[in-house]
Amino acid sequence: MSKKSKKQAKHEPSRSGAGGTPATVALTASGVAFTVHAYEHDPAAASYGEEAAEALGVAPEQVFKTLLAEVDGTLTVAVVPVSGSLDLKALAAAVGGKRAAMADPAAAERSTGYVLGGISPLGQRKRLRTVVDASAEGRPTVCVSAGRRGLEVELSPTD
């Protein structure tokens, strides 16, 4: 396995949203401090989230994946640690629904504007209700996709 290159850039809140992905533009526009972590994505990686954790040298519990599900026919975003899995019944209950199923991948890409493996919970094309796993609350920072494979943003879970 080749060594992954890692680059990072710290961003202080500013009002200039020029450049970046829709996720980083949204964070900048909202005045949220964040750090961008770039790494060389391996297209053969079995798990994008675990690849990100390994490349960034952080625990898989600190890296969160963005999943889309349909709850009673409505697309819903779930943000869960890459070390875990999504409990569809719990997601449905969290939003007052009855049934949940994973969303069609094409529908997920269309509604978010991102490709699978690079879907960010931030800066999505359509505003979707979003549920974040409670385990994020106890962490000083979490990493989520910045909107493309090989790019993560690290930010406070309270932001």
C-alpha atoms as a PDB file:
ATOM      1  CA  MET A   1       0.000   0.000   0.000  1.00  0.00           C
ATOM      2  CA  SER A   2       1.392   3.381  -0.919  1.00  0.00           C
ATOM      3  CA  LYS A   3       1.795   6.117   1.623  1.00  0.00           C
ATOM      4  CA  LYS A   4      -1.079   8.567   1.428  1.00  0.00           C
ATOM      5  CA  SER A   5      -0.213  12.225   1.059  1.00  0.00           C
ATOM      6  CA  LYS A   6      -1.893  14.453   3.571  1.00  0.00           C
ATOM      7  CA  LYS A   7      -2.431  18.196   3.324  1.00  0.00           C
ATOM      8  CA  GLN A   8      -4.340  20.401   5.670  1.00  0.00           C
ATOM      9  CA  ALA A   9      -5.374  24.013   5.792  1.00  0.00           C
ATOM     10  CA  LYS A  10      -6.924  25.828   8.724  1.00  0.00           C
ATOM     11  CA  HIS A  11      -9.731  28.231   7.990  1.00  0.00           C
ATOM     12  CA  GLU A  12     -10.851  30.979  10.264  1.00  0.00           C
ATOM     13  CA  PRO A  13     -14.403  32.174   9.826  1.00  0.00           C
ATOM     14  CA  SER A  14     -14.668  34.730   7.062  1.00  0.00           C
ATOM     15  CA  ARG A  15     -17.387  36.084   4.843  1.00  0.00           C
ATOM     16  CA  SER A  16     -15.593  35.201   1.608  1.00  0.00           C
ATOM     17  CA  GLY A  17     -16.967  31.980   0.171  1.00  0.00           C
ATOM     18  CA  ALA A  18     -14.773  31.969  -2.926  1.00  0.00           C
ATOM     19  CA  GLY A  19     -13.399  28.618  -4.046  1.00  0.00           C
ATOM     20  CA  GLY A  20     -13.683  25.236  -2.408  1.00  0.00           C
ATOM     21  CA  THR A  21     -16.591  22.848  -2.391  1.00  0.00           C
ATOM     22  CA  PRO A  22     -20.194  23.760  -1.578  1.00  0.00           C
ATOM     23  CA  ALA A  23     -19.508  22.384   1.931  1.00  0.00           C
ATOM     24  CA  THR A  24     -16.504  24.631   2.589  1.00  0.00           C
ATOM     25  CA  VAL A  25     -18.257  27.601   1.001  1.00  0.00           C
ATOM     26  CA  ALA A  26     -21.262  27.043   3.325  1.00  0.00           C
ATOM     27  CA  LEU A  27     -18.998  26.784   6.383  1.00  0.00           C
ATOM     28  CA  THR A  28     -17.135  29.947   5.438  1.00  0.00           C
ATOM     29  CA  ALA A  29     -20.370  31.833   4.757  1.00  0.00           C
ATOM     30  CA  SER A  30     -21.694  30.748   8.166  1.00  0.00           C
ATOM     31  CA  GLY A  31     -18.564  31.950   9.960  1.00  0.00           C
ATOM     32  CA  VAL A  32     -17.644  28.469  11.204  1.00  0.00           C
ATOM     33  CA  ALA A  33     -13.972  27.692  11.902  1.00  0.00           C
ATOM     34  CA  PHE A  34     -12.847  24.474  10.233  1.00  0.00           C
ATOM     35  CA  THR A  35      -9.784  22.640   8.997  1.00  0.00           C
ATOM     36  CA  VAL A  36      -9.600  21.012   5.573  1.00  0.00           C
ATOM     37  CA  HIS A  37      -7.758  17.694   5.349  1.00  0.00           C
ATOM     38  CA  ALA A  38      -6.857  16.453   1.875  1.00  0.00           C
ATOM     39  CA  TYR A  39      -5.466  13.009   1.155  1.00  0.00           C
ATOM     40  CA  GLU A  40      -4.883  10.859  -1.885  1.00  0.00           C
ATOM     41  CA  HIS A  41      -8.041   8.804  -2.417  1.00  0.00           C
ATOM     42  CA  ASP A  42      -7.596   5.167  -3.429  1.00  0.00           C
ATOM     43  CA  PRO A  43     -10.428   4.190  -5.825  1.00  0.00           C
ATOM     44  CA  ALA A  44     -10.023   0.565  -4.693  1.00  0.00           C
ATOM     45  CA  ALA A  45     -10.701   1.414  -1.021  1.00  0.00           C
ATOM     46  CA  ALA A  46     -13.397  -0.808   0.477  1.00  0.00           C
ATOM     47  CA  SER A  47     -14.656   1.906   2.852  1.00  0.00           C
ATOM     48  CA  TYR A  48     -14.274   5.604   2.096  1.00  0.00           C
ATOM     49  CA  GLY A  49     -14.708   6.539   5.767  1.00  0.00           C
ATOM     50  CA  GLU A  50     -12.162   4.067   7.082  1.00  0.00           C
ATOM     51  CA  GLU A  51      -9.781   5.166   4.332  1.00  0.00           C
ATOM     52  CA  ALA A  52     -10.180   8.775   5.523  1.00  0.00           C
ATOM     53  CA  ALA A  53      -9.568   7.857   9.178  1.00  0.00           C
ATOM     54  CA  GLU A  54      -6.426   5.925   8.272  1.00  0.00           C
ATOM     55  CA  ALA A  55      -5.114   8.636   5.931  1.00  0.00           C
ATOM     56  CA  LEU A  56      -5.724  11.355   8.523  1.00  0.00           C
ATOM     57  CA  GLY A  57      -4.333   9.303  11.402  1.00  0.00           C
ATOM     58  CA  VAL A  58      -7.462   9.670  13.534  1.00  0.00           C
ATOM     59  CA  ALA A  59      -9.729   7.161  15.238  1.00  0.00           C
ATOM     60  CA  PRO A  60     -12.617   5.906  13.063  1.00  0.00           C
ATOM     61  CA  GLU A  61     -14.976   7.130  15.810  1.00  0.00           C
ATOM     62  CA  GLN A  62     -13.931  10.715  15.003  1.00  0.00           C
ATOM     63  CA  VAL A  63     -14.730  10.428  11.281  1.00  0.00           C
ATOM     64  CA  PHE A  64     -18.430  10.523  10.421  1.00  0.00           C
ATOM     65  CA  LYS A  65     -20.061   9.272   7.229  1.00  0.00           C
ATOM     66  CA  THR A  66     -23.064  10.877   5.603  1.00  0.00           C
ATOM     67  CA  LEU A  67     -25.811   8.444   4.634  1.00  0.00           C
ATOM     68  CA  LEU A  68     -29.154   9.132   3.012  1.00  0.00           C
ATOM     69  CA  ALA A  69     -32.290   7.216   3.838  1.00  0.00           C
ATOM     70  CA  GLU A  70     -35.934   7.542   2.938  1.00  0.00           C
ATOM     71  CA  VAL A  71     -38.130   7.882   5.992  1.00  0.00           C
ATOM     72  CA  ASP A  72     -41.785   7.494   5.064  1.00  0.00           C
ATOM     73  CA  GLY A  73     -40.847   8.568   1.529  1.00  0.00           C
ATOM     74  CA  THR A  74     -38.853  11.656   2.561  1.00  0.00           C
ATOM     75  CA  LEU A  75     -35.088  11.832   2.055  1.00  0.00           C
ATOM     76  CA  THR A  76     -33.267  12.209   5.356  1.00  0.00           C
ATOM     77  CA  VAL A  77     -29.562  12.640   6.088  1.00  0.00           C
ATOM     78  CA  ALA A  78     -27.935  10.547   8.815  1.00  0.00           C
ATOM     79  CA  VAL A  79     -24.423  11.389  10.040  1.00  0.00           C
ATOM     80  CA  VAL A  80     -22.869   8.435  11.880  1.00  0.00           C
ATOM     81  CA  PRO A  81     -19.339   7.339  12.847  1.00  0.00           C
ATOM     82  CA  VAL A  82     -17.579   5.315  10.150  1.00  0.00           C
ATOM     83  CA  SER A  83     -16.917   2.695  12.822  1.00  0.00           C
ATOM     84  CA  GLY A  84     -20.654   2.109  13.235  1.00  0.00           C
ATOM     85  CA  SER A  85     -23.719   1.477  11.144  1.00  0.00           C
ATOM     86  CA  LEU A  86     -27.016   3.248  10.686  1.00  0.00           C
ATOM     87  CA  ASP A  87     -29.961   1.923  12.694  1.00  0.00           C
ATOM     88  CA  LEU A  88     -32.835   2.613  10.311  1.00  0.00           C
ATOM     89  CA  LYS A  89     -35.516   2.072  12.974  1.00  0.00           C
ATOM     90  CA  ALA A  90     -33.808   4.561  15.292  1.00  0.00           C
ATOM     91  CA  LEU A  91     -33.523   7.070  12.441  1.00  0.00           C
ATOM     92  CA  ALA A  92     -37.231   6.753  11.663  1.00  0.00           C
ATOM     93  CA  ALA A  93     -38.087   7.219  15.340  1.00  0.00           C
ATOM     94  CA  ALA A  94     -35.772  10.249  15.627  1.00  0.00           C
ATOM     95  CA  VAL A  95     -37.722  12.109  12.939  1.00  0.00           C
ATOM     96  CA  GLY A  96     -41.161  10.862  13.970  1.00  0.00           C
ATOM     97  CA  GLY A  97     -41.441   8.399  11.107  1.00  0.00           C
ATOM     98  CA  LYS A  98     -42.481   4.782  10.864  1.00  0.00           C
ATOM     99  CA  ARG A  99     -40.378   3.222   8.093  1.00  0.00           C
ATOM    100  CA  ALA A 100     -36.885   3.896   6.855  1.00  0.00           C
ATOM    101  CA  ALA A 101     -34.794   2.381   4.077  1.00  0.00           C
ATOM    102  CA  MET A 102     -31.511   3.389   2.515  1.00  0.00           C
ATOM    103  CA  ALA A 103     -32.028   5.884  -0.301  1.00  0.00           C
ATOM    104  CA  ASP A 104     -31.406   5.018  -3.921  1.00  0.00           C
ATOM    105  CA  PRO A 105     -27.778   6.035  -4.657  1.00  0.00           C
ATOM    106  CA  ALA A 106     -28.791   8.055  -7.735  1.00  0.00           C
ATOM    107  CA  ALA A 107     -31.410   9.941  -5.688  1.00  0.00           C
ATOM    108  CA  ALA A 108     -28.799  10.637  -3.004  1.00  0.00           C
ATOM    109  CA  GLU A 109     -26.412  12.093  -5.574  1.00  0.00           C
ATOM    110  CA  ARG A 110     -29.144  14.149  -7.285  1.00  0.00           C
ATOM    111  CA  SER A 111     -30.503  15.688  -4.099  1.00  0.00           C
ATOM    112  CA  THR A 112     -27.139  16.457  -2.497  1.00  0.00           C
ATOM    113  CA  GLY A 113     -25.112  17.405  -5.553  1.00  0.00           C
ATOM    114  CA  TYR A 114     -22.284  15.149  -4.372  1.00  0.00           C
ATOM    115  CA  VAL A 115     -21.001  11.757  -5.535  1.00  0.00           C
ATOM    116  CA  LEU A 116     -21.190   8.656  -3.350  1.00  0.00           C
ATOM    117  CA  GLY A 117     -18.167   8.485  -1.089  1.00  0.00           C
ATOM    118  CA  GLY A 118     -17.982  12.270  -1.098  1.00  0.00           C
ATOM    119  CA  ILE A 119     -21.418  13.244   0.203  1.00  0.00           C
ATOM    120  CA  SER A 120     -21.109  15.968   2.806  1.00  0.00           C
ATOM    121  CA  PRO A 121     -23.814  16.853   5.316  1.00  0.00           C
ATOM    122  CA  LEU A 122     -22.944  20.489   4.531  1.00  0.00           C
ATOM    123  CA  GLY A 123     -23.738  22.601   1.479  1.00  0.00           C
ATOM    124  CA  GLN A 124     -26.101  20.127  -0.132  1.00  0.00           C
ATOM    125  CA  ARG A 125     -28.064  21.101  -3.251  1.00  0.00           C
ATOM    126  CA  LYS A 126     -31.399  20.594  -1.434  1.00  0.00           C
ATOM    127  CA  ARG A 127     -31.982  21.211   2.263  1.00  0.00           C
ATOM    128  CA  LEU A 128     -32.781  17.870   3.859  1.00  0.00           C
ATOM    129  CA  ARG A 129     -33.587  17.107   7.456  1.00  0.00           C
ATOM    130  CA  THR A 130     -30.433  15.861   9.119  1.00  0.00           C
ATOM    131  CA  VAL A 131     -29.836  13.665  12.161  1.00  0.00           C
ATOM    132  CA  VAL A 132     -26.367  13.479  13.736  1.00  0.00           C
ATOM    133  CA  ASP A 133     -25.389  10.496  15.898  1.00  0.00           C
ATOM    134  CA  ALA A 134     -25.293  11.448  19.591  1.00  0.00           C
ATOM    135  CA  SER A 135     -21.699  10.196  19.906  1.00  0.00           C
ATOM    136  CA  ALA A 136     -20.537  13.375  18.132  1.00  0.00           C
ATOM    137  CA  GLU A 137     -21.540  15.486  21.150  1.00  0.00           C
ATOM    138  CA  GLY A 138     -18.738  14.183  23.364  1.00  0.00           C
ATOM    139  CA  ARG A 139     -15.953  15.006  20.904  1.00  0.00           C
ATOM    140  CA  PRO A 140     -14.045  18.274  20.601  1.00  0.00           C
ATOM    141  CA  THR A 141     -13.987  17.860  16.804  1.00  0.00           C
ATOM    142  CA  VAL A 142     -15.348  15.525  14.154  1.00  0.00           C
ATOM    143  CA  CYS A 143     -14.412  14.995  10.515  1.00  0.00           C
ATOM    144  CA  VAL A 144     -16.979  14.787   7.734  1.00  0.00           C
ATOM    145  CA  SER A 145     -16.662  14.765   3.979  1.00  0.00           C
ATOM    146  CA  ALA A 146     -15.922  18.154   2.474  1.00  0.00           C
ATOM    147  CA  GLY A 147     -17.820  17.208  -0.667  1.00  0.00           C
ATOM    148  CA  ARG A 148     -15.481  14.995  -2.629  1.00  0.00           C
ATOM    149  CA  ARG A 149     -13.508  11.823  -2.132  1.00  0.00           C
ATOM    150  CA  GLY A 150     -10.136  12.548  -0.540  1.00  0.00           C
ATOM    151  CA  LEU A 151     -11.265  15.731   1.209  1.00  0.00           C
ATOM    152  CA  GLU A 152     -12.529  16.023   4.792  1.00  0.00           C
ATOM    153  CA  VAL A 153     -13.415  18.961   7.012  1.00  0.00           C
ATOM    154  CA  GLU A 154     -12.761  18.922  10.739  1.00  0.00           C
ATOM    155  CA  LEU A 155     -15.005  21.074  12.885  1.00  0.00           C
ATOM    156  CA  SER A 156     -16.671  21.254  16.269  1.00  0.00           C
ATOM    157  CA  PRO A 157     -19.798  19.075  16.424  1.00  0.00           C
ATOM    158  CA  THR A 158     -21.632  21.997  18.031  1.00  0.00           C
ATOM    159  CA  ASP A 159     -21.169  24.037  14.854  1.00  0.00           C
END
